[in-house]
Every structure is written in C-alpha cells, then in structure tokens.
Amino acid sequence: MTEQNVIAKWPTWAPQLRSLLRIMAAFTFMQFGTAKLFAFPGAIMPGGGTVPVASLLGVAAILEAFGGLFLLVGLFTRPVAFLLAGEMAVAYFLGHGSHGFWTVLNLGTPAVIYCFVWLYLSAAGAGPWSLDARIARSKTI
C-alpha cells in the first residue's frame, strides 16, 4: 500500500478510533472510581483507605467506577457520557479550580480532559465497537 493510499484511507478509520478512544479513556477513568471505592488497583485516598459511599467522594467514585464500566462496553453511551462530563466539570471546579488557573499546577488536567472527552462522546456516540452499536444493528434486522 502506498503512502498516498494510507493517507487517503486514514479518515475512514474515524469510527473505530472513536471506539478505541472510548474504551481506553473509560478503562483509565474506571480506575479512579475503583481506587476510591475498593482501593483497587491501589489506594489513592489519604491514609490509604476507601471513601464512605454516602459522601460526595463516594458518589463520585460510584459514577466513575460504574459509569466508566458502561462507557467501557459502550452501553447507554450518550447519556452516561453526558452525566460523567458534568461530574468532571464539578470535580474540576470543586477540587482543582480553586487552586489556581493553570491545570498543570492545580492537578486538574485529568478532570478537564475527561470532561471534554465525555462531552464529545455524548454527542458523537460510542462508535462501532460497542453494545450500543450492536443493539442498533439487531433492531434493523
């Protein structure tokens, strides 16, 4: 395959790359929730424990762990991604934004990036490698 063919065909991979973005972002995002809820794959809370489920951080952890799982498999992607984009916006403004403007200094870069990735997926959808796409295909048969 020539370089020109590769360049010409690259845009046709956009749907699959959207699925790959969703899968990898959801996989890394889930880890924040499971670390807060179960200290898995490691403890990230001060003191090494877990968060109380009936707290603001507990609700965030549930959204991250289970919302991330829904996004990982691509189920109910649009509404879940929209909800998680909002959660990340709140997380940024409550936890990071008050510590200064620059995200590299206030440690808010992951929250901002996740917020906008989830916002994008809430509009663009899950992509072809998802349960949403599989369900849609089964309805047309």
Protein backbone atom coordinates (compact mmCIF):
# COMPACT_ATOMS: atom_id res chain seq x y z
CA MET A 1 0.00 0.00 0.00
CA THR A 2 1.43 3.35 -0.96
CA GLU A 3 1.72 6.33 1.34
CA GLN A 4 -0.99 8.15 -0.62
CA ASN A 5 -3.38 5.21 -0.14
CA VAL A 6 -2.72 5.16 3.60
CA ILE A 7 -3.33 8.91 3.83
CA ALA A 8 -6.49 8.62 1.74
CA LYS A 9 -7.89 5.72 3.83
CA TRP A 10 -6.95 7.09 7.27
CA PRO A 11 -10.15 9.17 7.72
CA THR A 12 -12.26 6.05 7.16
CA TRP A 13 -10.92 4.72 10.47
CA ALA A 14 -12.51 7.57 12.47
CA PRO A 15 -15.42 5.48 13.83
CA GLN A 16 -13.11 2.69 15.02
CA LEU A 17 -10.73 5.22 16.57
CA ARG A 18 -13.70 6.81 18.39
CA SER A 19 -14.46 3.37 19.85
CA LEU A 20 -10.81 2.96 20.82
CA LEU A 21 -10.78 6.40 22.47
CA ARG A 22 -13.93 5.48 24.43
CA ILE A 23 -12.55 2.11 25.53
CA MET A 24 -9.14 3.39 26.66
CA ALA A 25 -10.50 6.53 28.33
CA ALA A 26 -13.16 4.50 30.15
CA PHE A 27 -10.60 1.93 31.29
CA THR A 28 -8.34 4.58 32.81
CA PHE A 29 -11.32 6.53 34.21
CA MET A 30 -12.79 3.50 35.99
CA GLN A 31 -9.60 3.08 37.94
CA PHE A 32 -10.20 6.36 39.77
CA GLY A 33 -13.57 5.04 40.97
CA THR A 34 -12.38 1.57 41.93
CA ALA A 35 -9.37 3.02 43.74
CA LYS A 36 -11.69 5.25 45.81
CA LEU A 37 -14.29 2.53 46.45
CA PHE A 38 -12.18 -0.61 46.83
CA ALA A 39 -8.54 0.62 46.99
CA PHE A 40 -8.04 -1.32 43.74
CA PRO A 41 -5.69 -1.31 41.87
CA GLY A 42 -4.29 0.66 44.78
CA ALA A 43 -5.30 3.09 47.49
CA ILE A 44 -5.30 6.72 46.41
CA MET A 45 -7.14 8.29 49.32
CA PRO A 46 -5.18 9.99 52.09
CA GLY A 47 -4.35 7.38 54.70
CA GLY A 48 -4.73 4.58 52.17
CA GLY A 49 -8.36 3.79 52.84
CA THR A 50 -11.56 4.00 50.86
CA VAL A 51 -14.26 6.65 50.72
CA PRO A 52 -17.58 6.43 52.56
CA VAL A 53 -20.19 5.60 49.91
CA ALA A 54 -22.63 8.13 51.39
CA SER A 55 -20.34 11.09 50.75
CA LEU A 56 -19.66 13.40 47.83
CA LEU A 57 -16.48 11.48 47.02
CA GLY A 58 -18.42 8.22 47.38
CA VAL A 59 -20.99 9.33 44.82
CA ALA A 60 -18.16 10.45 42.52
CA ALA A 61 -16.48 7.05 42.96
CA ILE A 62 -19.69 5.20 42.08
CA LEU A 63 -20.16 7.36 38.97
CA GLU A 64 -16.55 6.81 37.94
CA ALA A 65 -16.47 3.05 38.54
CA PHE A 66 -19.87 2.09 37.18
CA GLY A 67 -20.28 4.91 34.64
CA GLY A 68 -16.80 4.02 33.41
CA LEU A 69 -17.88 0.39 33.06
CA PHE A 70 -20.90 1.43 30.98
CA LEU A 71 -18.63 3.51 28.74
CA LEU A 72 -16.05 0.73 28.52
CA VAL A 73 -18.61 -1.62 26.96
CA GLY A 74 -20.40 1.20 25.14
CA LEU A 75 -23.83 0.85 26.74
CA PHE A 76 -26.07 3.93 27.08
CA THR A 77 -23.02 5.89 25.98
CA ARG A 78 -24.63 9.24 25.20
CA PRO A 79 -26.49 9.82 28.49
CA VAL A 80 -23.76 8.25 30.66
CA ALA A 81 -21.04 10.30 28.95
CA PHE A 82 -23.09 13.48 29.42
CA LEU A 83 -23.55 12.71 33.13
CA LEU A 84 -19.84 11.98 33.57
CA ALA A 85 -18.84 15.15 31.71
CA GLY A 86 -20.89 17.07 34.26
CA GLU A 87 -19.31 15.13 37.11
CA MET A 88 -15.85 16.00 35.83
CA ALA A 89 -16.78 19.68 35.47
CA VAL A 90 -17.98 19.71 39.09
CA ALA A 91 -14.87 17.80 40.20
CA TYR A 92 -12.66 20.35 38.48
CA PHE A 93 -14.35 23.42 39.94
CA LEU A 94 -14.72 21.98 43.45
CA GLY A 95 -11.41 20.17 43.71
CA HIS A 96 -8.97 21.89 41.40
CA GLY A 97 -10.09 25.22 40.00
CA SER A 98 -9.97 26.97 43.36
CA HIS A 99 -6.22 26.27 43.49
CA GLY A 100 -5.38 28.47 40.51
CA PHE A 101 -5.95 28.75 36.78
CA TRP A 102 -3.20 26.50 35.38
CA THR A 103 -4.27 22.85 35.29
CA VAL A 104 -0.71 21.57 35.49
CA LEU A 105 -0.34 23.38 38.82
CA ASN A 106 -3.77 22.65 40.31
CA LEU A 107 -3.59 18.97 39.19
CA GLY A 108 -6.86 19.30 37.28
CA THR A 109 -5.65 18.19 33.86
CA PRO A 110 -7.26 14.70 34.01
CA ALA A 111 -10.60 16.17 35.09
CA VAL A 112 -10.60 18.68 32.23
CA ILE A 113 -9.58 16.12 29.61
CA TYR A 114 -12.13 13.55 30.80
CA CYS A 115 -14.81 16.25 30.86
CA PHE A 116 -14.28 17.11 27.21
CA VAL A 117 -13.80 13.51 26.03
CA TRP A 118 -17.09 12.55 27.69
CA LEU A 119 -18.79 15.64 26.28
CA TYR A 120 -17.58 14.68 22.80
CA LEU A 121 -18.81 11.09 23.19
CA SER A 122 -22.19 12.31 24.45
CA ALA A 123 -22.64 13.97 21.06
CA ALA A 124 -20.72 11.56 18.80
CA GLY A 125 -21.85 8.26 20.30
CA ALA A 126 -19.94 5.13 21.19
CA GLY A 127 -18.64 4.09 17.79
CA PRO A 128 -18.99 0.73 16.04
CA TRP A 129 -17.25 -1.39 18.70
CA SER A 130 -19.94 -1.01 21.37
CA LEU A 131 -23.05 -2.61 22.78
CA ASP A 132 -24.99 0.46 21.64
CA ALA A 133 -23.98 -0.27 18.03
CA ARG A 134 -24.75 -3.97 18.43
CA ILE A 135 -28.22 -3.20 19.80
CA ALA A 136 -28.86 -0.75 16.95
CA ARG A 137 -27.78 -3.36 14.38
CA SER A 138 -30.07 -6.01 15.91
CA LYS A 139 -33.06 -3.65 15.68
CA THR A 140 -32.54 -3.19 11.93
CA ILE A 141 -32.55 -6.93 11.21
